[in-house]
Amino acid sequence: MKDAFSRLKDRIMGQINEDSDNLPEEQYLEINPSEVIDSKAKIMVRPFIIKEFQDIKPALDGLREGHTIALVNIKPLKDKDIVELKRAVNKLKKTCDAIEGDIAGFGEDWLVATPSFAKVHRQTSVSTQRTSGIIEDDDKDF
């Protein structure tokens, strides 16, 4: 063990020992990190910013492909035009229903939309309120 540490020390300090010449050369394979990430990524969590109704299309396309969980920032559209916001949210809801996905709001400015393989966790206190009749409209997930 002591011999291994002294060889390591010699290599770090730049001293080459005759014993270290007898060691086999270490070989490394270089891997491009971007290729590794893309090949392993089966699910993408992507943020989307909705400034206009047309901006919803990339999020819808990603959901339809089935590999994207969409985090949608609706604040710019909410500040601009509430009618267009409702239209965009309804479009997201219909798409999620069609693909058997899930959609929910978190905070006042964000929505999460998932394909069929993922569901959004909802707090038990909210579902308890729904069953007791406090929240009567089922569309008030966000």
N, C-alpha and C. Protein backbone atom coordinates (compact mmCIF):
# COMPACT_ATOMS: atom_id res chain seq x y z
N MET A 1 0.84 -1.19 0.00
CA MET A 1 0.00 0.00 0.00
C MET A 1 0.88 1.25 0.00
N LYS A 2 1.94 1.20 0.82
CA LYS A 2 2.83 2.35 0.90
C LYS A 2 3.51 2.59 -0.44
N ASP A 3 3.82 1.50 -1.14
CA ASP A 3 4.46 1.59 -2.44
C ASP A 3 3.55 2.28 -3.46
N ALA A 4 2.25 1.99 -3.39
CA ALA A 4 1.30 2.61 -4.32
C ALA A 4 1.21 4.11 -4.09
N PHE A 5 1.20 4.52 -2.82
CA PHE A 5 1.15 5.95 -2.52
C PHE A 5 2.43 6.66 -2.95
N SER A 6 3.57 6.01 -2.79
CA SER A 6 4.81 6.67 -3.19
C SER A 6 4.88 6.79 -4.72
N ARG A 7 4.37 5.78 -5.46
CA ARG A 7 4.32 5.91 -6.92
C ARG A 7 3.39 7.04 -7.34
N LEU A 8 2.25 7.15 -6.66
CA LEU A 8 1.30 8.22 -6.95
C LEU A 8 1.94 9.57 -6.66
N LYS A 9 2.63 9.66 -5.54
CA LYS A 9 3.31 10.91 -5.17
C LYS A 9 4.37 11.26 -6.21
N ASP A 10 5.12 10.26 -6.66
CA ASP A 10 6.16 10.51 -7.65
C ASP A 10 5.56 11.02 -8.97
N ARG A 11 4.43 10.45 -9.35
CA ARG A 11 3.79 10.90 -10.60
C ARG A 11 3.26 12.32 -10.47
N ILE A 12 2.69 12.63 -9.31
CA ILE A 12 2.17 13.97 -9.10
C ILE A 12 3.29 14.99 -9.07
N MET A 13 4.36 14.65 -8.42
CA MET A 13 5.48 15.57 -8.29
C MET A 13 6.32 15.65 -9.56
N GLY A 14 6.04 14.78 -10.52
CA GLY A 14 6.76 14.85 -11.78
C GLY A 14 8.01 14.00 -11.81
N GLN A 15 8.24 13.23 -10.79
CA GLN A 15 9.41 12.36 -10.76
C GLN A 15 9.03 11.01 -11.36
N ILE A 16 9.81 10.54 -12.29
CA ILE A 16 9.56 9.25 -12.92
C ILE A 16 10.50 8.24 -12.27
N ASN A 17 9.93 7.19 -11.81
CA ASN A 17 10.64 6.13 -11.12
C ASN A 17 10.84 4.98 -12.10
N GLU A 18 11.94 4.23 -11.94
CA GLU A 18 12.17 3.09 -12.82
C GLU A 18 11.07 2.05 -12.67
N ASP A 19 10.51 1.90 -11.46
CA ASP A 19 9.45 0.93 -11.22
C ASP A 19 8.18 1.31 -11.98
N SER A 20 7.94 2.59 -12.13
CA SER A 20 6.72 3.03 -12.80
C SER A 20 6.78 2.77 -14.31
N ASP A 21 8.00 2.58 -14.86
CA ASP A 21 8.11 2.26 -16.27
C ASP A 21 7.57 0.87 -16.58
N ASN A 22 7.56 0.01 -15.58
CA ASN A 22 7.08 -1.35 -15.76
C ASN A 22 5.56 -1.45 -15.74
N LEU A 23 4.88 -0.38 -15.32
CA LEU A 23 3.43 -0.39 -15.25
C LEU A 23 2.83 -0.24 -16.65
N PRO A 24 1.73 -0.94 -16.92
CA PRO A 24 1.11 -0.78 -18.25
C PRO A 24 0.52 0.61 -18.40
N GLU A 25 0.56 1.11 -19.62
CA GLU A 25 -0.01 2.42 -19.91
C GLU A 25 -1.53 2.36 -19.80
N GLU A 26 -2.12 3.36 -19.19
CA GLU A 26 -3.57 3.43 -19.09
C GLU A 26 -4.12 4.04 -20.38
N GLN A 27 -5.18 3.44 -20.88
CA GLN A 27 -5.79 3.94 -22.10
C GLN A 27 -7.17 4.46 -21.76
N TYR A 28 -7.53 5.57 -22.37
CA TYR A 28 -8.81 6.19 -22.12
C TYR A 28 -9.57 6.34 -23.43
N LEU A 29 -10.86 6.22 -23.33
CA LEU A 29 -11.73 6.43 -24.47
C LEU A 29 -12.44 7.76 -24.26
N GLU A 30 -12.28 8.67 -25.19
CA GLU A 30 -12.94 9.96 -25.06
C GLU A 30 -14.39 9.86 -25.51
N ILE A 31 -15.27 10.43 -24.71
CA ILE A 31 -16.70 10.41 -24.99
C ILE A 31 -17.19 11.84 -25.08
N ASN A 32 -17.94 12.12 -26.12
CA ASN A 32 -18.53 13.44 -26.28
C ASN A 32 -19.74 13.53 -25.36
N PRO A 33 -19.74 14.43 -24.36
CA PRO A 33 -20.85 14.49 -23.39
C PRO A 33 -22.21 14.75 -24.02
N SER A 34 -22.28 15.52 -25.10
CA SER A 34 -23.58 15.79 -25.70
C SER A 34 -24.19 14.54 -26.31
N GLU A 35 -23.36 13.65 -26.84
CA GLU A 35 -23.87 12.40 -27.39
C GLU A 35 -24.41 11.50 -26.30
N VAL A 36 -23.74 11.48 -25.17
CA VAL A 36 -24.18 10.64 -24.06
C VAL A 36 -25.52 11.11 -23.53
N ILE A 37 -25.69 12.40 -23.37
CA ILE A 37 -26.95 12.94 -22.85
C ILE A 37 -28.09 12.64 -23.81
N ASP A 38 -27.88 12.85 -25.11
CA ASP A 38 -28.94 12.62 -26.07
C ASP A 38 -29.31 11.15 -26.19
N SER A 39 -28.32 10.27 -26.12
CA SER A 39 -28.63 8.86 -26.28
C SER A 39 -29.34 8.29 -25.06
N LYS A 40 -29.11 8.84 -23.87
CA LYS A 40 -29.75 8.34 -22.67
C LYS A 40 -31.09 9.00 -22.39
N ALA A 41 -31.30 10.18 -22.93
CA ALA A 41 -32.51 10.93 -22.62
C ALA A 41 -33.71 10.31 -23.34
N LYS A 42 -34.58 9.71 -22.55
CA LYS A 42 -35.80 9.13 -23.12
C LYS A 42 -36.98 10.04 -22.87
N ILE A 43 -36.86 10.88 -21.87
CA ILE A 43 -37.91 11.82 -21.52
C ILE A 43 -37.28 13.20 -21.41
N MET A 44 -37.91 14.17 -22.06
CA MET A 44 -37.42 15.54 -21.98
C MET A 44 -38.39 16.36 -21.15
N VAL A 45 -37.86 17.12 -20.22
CA VAL A 45 -38.66 18.10 -19.49
C VAL A 45 -38.25 19.44 -20.07
N ARG A 46 -39.19 20.07 -20.80
CA ARG A 46 -38.86 21.29 -21.53
C ARG A 46 -39.71 22.46 -21.06
N PRO A 47 -39.09 23.61 -20.89
CA PRO A 47 -39.86 24.82 -20.58
C PRO A 47 -40.35 25.47 -21.87
N PHE A 48 -41.52 26.02 -21.81
CA PHE A 48 -42.10 26.76 -22.94
C PHE A 48 -42.63 28.07 -22.39
N ILE A 49 -42.46 29.15 -23.16
CA ILE A 49 -43.01 30.45 -22.79
C ILE A 49 -44.07 30.80 -23.83
N ILE A 50 -45.26 31.08 -23.36
CA ILE A 50 -46.38 31.37 -24.25
C ILE A 50 -46.62 32.88 -24.24
N LYS A 51 -46.20 33.55 -25.33
CA LYS A 51 -46.43 34.98 -25.47
C LYS A 51 -47.65 35.26 -26.34
N GLU A 52 -47.93 34.33 -27.26
CA GLU A 52 -49.08 34.42 -28.15
C GLU A 52 -49.67 33.02 -28.29
N PHE A 53 -50.88 32.95 -28.79
CA PHE A 53 -51.55 31.66 -28.95
C PHE A 53 -50.72 30.70 -29.81
N GLN A 54 -50.05 31.21 -30.83
CA GLN A 54 -49.28 30.37 -31.74
C GLN A 54 -48.09 29.71 -31.04
N ASP A 55 -47.63 30.29 -29.94
CA ASP A 55 -46.48 29.74 -29.22
C ASP A 55 -46.78 28.41 -28.55
N ILE A 56 -48.04 28.00 -28.53
CA ILE A 56 -48.43 26.75 -27.88
C ILE A 56 -48.09 25.54 -28.75
N LYS A 57 -47.89 25.74 -30.06
CA LYS A 57 -47.68 24.63 -30.99
C LYS A 57 -46.47 23.76 -30.64
N PRO A 58 -45.29 24.29 -30.33
CA PRO A 58 -44.17 23.40 -29.98
C PRO A 58 -44.45 22.54 -28.75
N ALA A 59 -45.14 23.09 -27.78
CA ALA A 59 -45.49 22.31 -26.58
C ALA A 59 -46.45 21.18 -26.95
N LEU A 60 -47.43 21.48 -27.78
CA LEU A 60 -48.39 20.47 -28.21
C LEU A 60 -47.70 19.37 -29.02
N ASP A 61 -46.80 19.76 -29.91
CA ASP A 61 -46.07 18.77 -30.71
C ASP A 61 -45.23 17.86 -29.83
N GLY A 62 -44.56 18.43 -28.84
CA GLY A 62 -43.76 17.63 -27.92
C GLY A 62 -44.61 16.66 -27.12
N LEU A 63 -45.77 17.10 -26.68
CA LEU A 63 -46.68 16.22 -25.94
C LEU A 63 -47.19 15.09 -26.83
N ARG A 64 -47.52 15.41 -28.06
CA ARG A 64 -48.05 14.39 -28.98
C ARG A 64 -47.00 13.33 -29.31
N GLU A 65 -45.73 13.73 -29.36
CA GLU A 65 -44.67 12.76 -29.60
C GLU A 65 -44.57 11.76 -28.45
N GLY A 66 -44.93 12.21 -27.25
CA GLY A 66 -44.96 11.31 -26.11
C GLY A 66 -43.70 11.25 -25.29
N HIS A 67 -42.71 12.09 -25.58
CA HIS A 67 -41.45 12.05 -24.85
C HIS A 67 -41.15 13.35 -24.12
N THR A 68 -42.11 14.26 -24.07
CA THR A 68 -41.87 15.58 -23.49
C THR A 68 -42.85 15.88 -22.38
N ILE A 69 -42.31 16.33 -21.26
CA ILE A 69 -43.12 16.90 -20.19
C ILE A 69 -42.95 18.41 -20.34
N ALA A 70 -44.05 19.11 -20.55
CA ALA A 70 -44.00 20.54 -20.85
C ALA A 70 -44.23 21.37 -19.59
N LEU A 71 -43.31 22.26 -19.31
CA LEU A 71 -43.48 23.26 -18.26
C LEU A 71 -43.77 24.57 -18.98
N VAL A 72 -44.98 25.06 -18.85
CA VAL A 72 -45.45 26.17 -19.67
C VAL A 72 -45.61 27.42 -18.81
N ASN A 73 -44.86 28.46 -19.18
CA ASN A 73 -44.99 29.76 -18.52
C ASN A 73 -46.06 30.56 -19.26
N ILE A 74 -47.17 30.82 -18.58
CA ILE A 74 -48.30 31.50 -19.23
C ILE A 74 -48.37 32.98 -18.86
N LYS A 75 -47.44 33.46 -18.05
CA LYS A 75 -47.50 34.84 -17.57
C LYS A 75 -47.52 35.88 -18.70
N PRO A 76 -46.65 35.78 -19.72
CA PRO A 76 -46.70 36.81 -20.77
C PRO A 76 -48.06 36.90 -21.47
N LEU A 77 -48.68 35.75 -21.74
CA LEU A 77 -49.98 35.76 -22.40
C LEU A 77 -51.07 36.21 -21.43
N LYS A 78 -50.94 35.86 -20.16
CA LYS A 78 -51.92 36.27 -19.16
C LYS A 78 -51.92 37.79 -19.02
N ASP A 79 -50.73 38.39 -19.05
CA ASP A 79 -50.63 39.85 -18.94
C ASP A 79 -51.14 40.55 -20.20
N LYS A 80 -51.05 39.87 -21.34
CA LYS A 80 -51.39 40.48 -22.61
C LYS A 80 -52.88 40.34 -22.95
N ASP A 81 -53.40 39.09 -22.91
CA ASP A 81 -54.77 38.85 -23.36
C ASP A 81 -55.34 37.61 -22.67
N ILE A 82 -56.27 37.81 -21.77
CA ILE A 82 -56.84 36.72 -20.98
C ILE A 82 -57.68 35.77 -21.84
N VAL A 83 -58.32 36.30 -22.90
CA VAL A 83 -59.14 35.46 -23.78
C VAL A 83 -58.24 34.48 -24.54
N GLU A 84 -57.12 34.98 -25.05
CA GLU A 84 -56.16 34.11 -25.75
C GLU A 84 -55.56 33.09 -24.78
N LEU A 85 -55.36 33.49 -23.54
CA LEU A 85 -54.85 32.57 -22.53
C LEU A 85 -55.82 31.41 -22.33
N LYS A 86 -57.10 31.72 -22.19
CA LYS A 86 -58.11 30.67 -22.01
C LYS A 86 -58.14 29.74 -23.22
N ARG A 87 -58.00 30.31 -24.39
CA ARG A 87 -57.97 29.52 -25.61
C ARG A 87 -56.77 28.57 -25.63
N ALA A 88 -55.62 29.09 -25.24
CA ALA A 88 -54.40 28.27 -25.22
C ALA A 88 -54.49 27.16 -24.17
N VAL A 89 -55.02 27.49 -23.00
CA VAL A 89 -55.16 26.49 -21.94
C VAL A 89 -56.15 25.41 -22.36
N ASN A 90 -57.25 25.80 -22.98
CA ASN A 90 -58.22 24.82 -23.46
C ASN A 90 -57.61 23.90 -24.52
N LYS A 91 -56.78 24.47 -25.38
CA LYS A 91 -56.10 23.66 -26.40
C LYS A 91 -55.17 22.65 -25.73
N LEU A 92 -54.44 23.09 -24.72
CA LEU A 92 -53.57 22.18 -23.98
C LEU A 92 -54.39 21.08 -23.29
N LYS A 93 -55.51 21.47 -22.68
CA LYS A 93 -56.37 20.49 -21.99
C LYS A 93 -56.89 19.44 -22.97
N LYS A 94 -57.37 19.88 -24.12
CA LYS A 94 -57.92 18.95 -25.11
C LYS A 94 -56.84 18.00 -25.62
N THR A 95 -55.65 18.52 -25.84
CA THR A 95 -54.56 17.67 -26.29
C THR A 95 -54.19 16.65 -25.23
N CYS A 96 -54.11 17.09 -23.98
CA CYS A 96 -53.80 16.16 -22.89
C CYS A 96 -54.88 15.09 -22.75
N ASP A 97 -56.13 15.48 -22.91
CA ASP A 97 -57.22 14.49 -22.87
C ASP A 97 -57.09 13.49 -24.02
N ALA A 98 -56.76 13.99 -25.20
CA ALA A 98 -56.66 13.12 -26.38
C ALA A 98 -55.52 12.11 -26.24
N ILE A 99 -54.42 12.51 -25.64
CA ILE A 99 -53.28 11.59 -25.49
C ILE A 99 -53.30 10.88 -24.15
N GLU A 100 -54.38 11.08 -23.39
CA GLU A 100 -54.55 10.51 -22.05
C GLU A 100 -53.45 10.96 -21.10
N GLY A 101 -53.04 12.22 -21.27
CA GLY A 101 -52.03 12.81 -20.41
C GLY A 101 -52.66 13.53 -19.24
N ASP A 102 -51.90 14.41 -18.63
CA ASP A 102 -52.36 15.14 -17.46
C ASP A 102 -51.90 16.59 -17.58
N ILE A 103 -52.66 17.48 -16.98
CA ILE A 103 -52.30 18.90 -16.97
C ILE A 103 -52.71 19.48 -15.63
N ALA A 104 -51.87 20.34 -15.10
CA ALA A 104 -52.17 21.00 -13.83
C ALA A 104 -51.40 22.30 -13.76
N GLY A 105 -51.86 23.18 -12.93
CA GLY A 105 -51.19 24.45 -12.72
C GLY A 105 -50.42 24.42 -11.42
N PHE A 106 -49.31 25.14 -11.39
CA PHE A 106 -48.62 25.35 -10.13
C PHE A 106 -48.17 26.79 -10.10
N GLY A 107 -48.49 27.42 -9.01
CA GLY A 107 -48.32 28.86 -8.96
C GLY A 107 -49.39 29.50 -9.82
N GLU A 108 -49.25 30.77 -10.07
CA GLU A 108 -50.23 31.46 -10.90
C GLU A 108 -49.80 31.54 -12.35
N ASP A 109 -48.53 31.29 -12.62
CA ASP A 109 -48.00 31.55 -13.95
C ASP A 109 -47.48 30.32 -14.68
N TRP A 110 -47.61 29.14 -14.11
CA TRP A 110 -47.03 27.95 -14.71
C TRP A 110 -48.05 26.83 -14.82
N LEU A 111 -47.94 26.07 -15.91
CA LEU A 111 -48.70 24.84 -16.11
C LEU A 111 -47.71 23.72 -16.37
N VAL A 112 -48.08 22.52 -15.99
CA VAL A 112 -47.31 21.35 -16.37
C VAL A 112 -48.25 20.43 -17.13
N ALA A 113 -47.79 19.96 -18.28
CA ALA A 113 -48.57 19.05 -19.11
C ALA A 113 -47.71 17.82 -19.39
N THR A 114 -48.31 16.64 -19.18
CA THR A 114 -47.55 15.40 -19.33
C THR A 114 -48.23 14.46 -20.31
N PRO A 115 -47.45 13.61 -20.97
CA PRO A 115 -48.04 12.55 -21.79
C PRO A 115 -48.64 11.45 -20.91
N SER A 116 -49.08 10.38 -21.52
CA SER A 116 -49.83 9.35 -20.80
C SER A 116 -49.01 8.59 -19.76
N PHE A 117 -47.69 8.54 -19.89
CA PHE A 117 -46.90 7.76 -18.95
C PHE A 117 -46.69 8.45 -17.61
N ALA A 118 -47.02 9.74 -17.51
CA ALA A 118 -46.79 10.48 -16.27
C ALA A 118 -48.07 11.14 -15.79
N LYS A 119 -48.22 11.21 -14.50
CA LYS A 119 -49.35 11.89 -13.89
C LYS A 119 -48.81 12.96 -12.95
N VAL A 120 -49.59 14.01 -12.75
CA VAL A 120 -49.20 15.11 -11.87
C VAL A 120 -49.77 14.81 -10.48
N HIS A 121 -48.91 14.88 -9.48
CA HIS A 121 -49.35 14.66 -8.10
C HIS A 121 -50.13 15.88 -7.63
N ARG A 122 -51.24 15.60 -7.02
CA ARG A 122 -52.05 16.67 -6.45
C ARG A 122 -52.15 16.45 -4.95
N GLN A 123 -52.13 17.54 -4.20
CA GLN A 123 -52.17 17.43 -2.74
C GLN A 123 -53.48 16.81 -2.30
N THR A 124 -53.41 16.03 -1.22
CA THR A 124 -54.61 15.37 -0.73
C THR A 124 -55.61 16.38 -0.16
N SER A 125 -55.12 17.50 0.35
CA SER A 125 -56.05 18.49 0.89
C SER A 125 -56.94 19.07 -0.20
N VAL A 126 -56.40 19.22 -1.41
CA VAL A 126 -57.20 19.74 -2.52
C VAL A 126 -58.26 18.71 -2.90
N SER A 127 -57.89 17.42 -2.99
CA SER A 127 -58.89 16.42 -3.35
C SER A 127 -59.91 16.23 -2.25
N THR A 128 -59.53 16.42 -1.00
CA THR A 128 -60.50 16.34 0.09
C THR A 128 -61.50 17.47 -0.03
N GLN A 129 -61.04 18.66 -0.38
CA GLN A 129 -61.94 19.79 -0.55
C GLN A 129 -62.90 19.54 -1.70
N ARG A 130 -62.43 18.92 -2.77
CA ARG A 130 -63.30 18.64 -3.90
C ARG A 130 -64.41 17.67 -3.51
N THR A 131 -64.05 16.63 -2.79
CA THR A 131 -65.06 15.64 -2.43
C THR A 131 -66.05 16.19 -1.42
N SER A 132 -65.61 17.15 -0.62
CA SER A 132 -66.54 17.72 0.36
C SER A 132 -67.41 18.81 -0.25
N GLY A 133 -67.15 19.19 -1.51
CA GLY A 133 -68.00 20.15 -2.19
C GLY A 133 -67.54 21.59 -2.07
N ILE A 134 -66.38 21.83 -1.46
CA ILE A 134 -65.90 23.21 -1.34
C ILE A 134 -65.54 23.75 -2.72
N ILE A 135 -64.82 22.94 -3.50
CA ILE A 135 -64.49 23.33 -4.87
C ILE A 135 -65.46 22.59 -5.77
N GLU A 136 -66.32 23.30 -6.45
CA GLU A 136 -67.36 22.67 -7.24
C GLU A 136 -66.99 22.50 -8.70
N ASP A 137 -66.11 23.34 -9.21
CA ASP A 137 -65.76 23.28 -10.62
C ASP A 137 -64.50 22.44 -10.79
N ASP A 138 -64.59 21.33 -11.54
CA ASP A 138 -63.45 20.43 -11.74
C ASP A 138 -62.37 21.06 -12.60
N ASP A 139 -62.67 22.11 -13.34
CA ASP A 139 -61.68 22.73 -14.21
C ASP A 139 -60.76 23.68 -13.46
N LYS A 140 -60.88 23.77 -12.16
CA LYS A 140 -60.05 24.70 -11.40
C LYS A 140 -58.81 24.01 -10.86
N ASP A 141 -58.12 23.22 -11.72
CA ASP A 141 -56.86 22.59 -11.34
C ASP A 141 -55.74 23.62 -11.27
N PHE A 142 -55.95 24.74 -11.91
CA PHE A 142 -54.93 25.75 -11.92
C PHE A 142 -55.59 27.04 -11.86
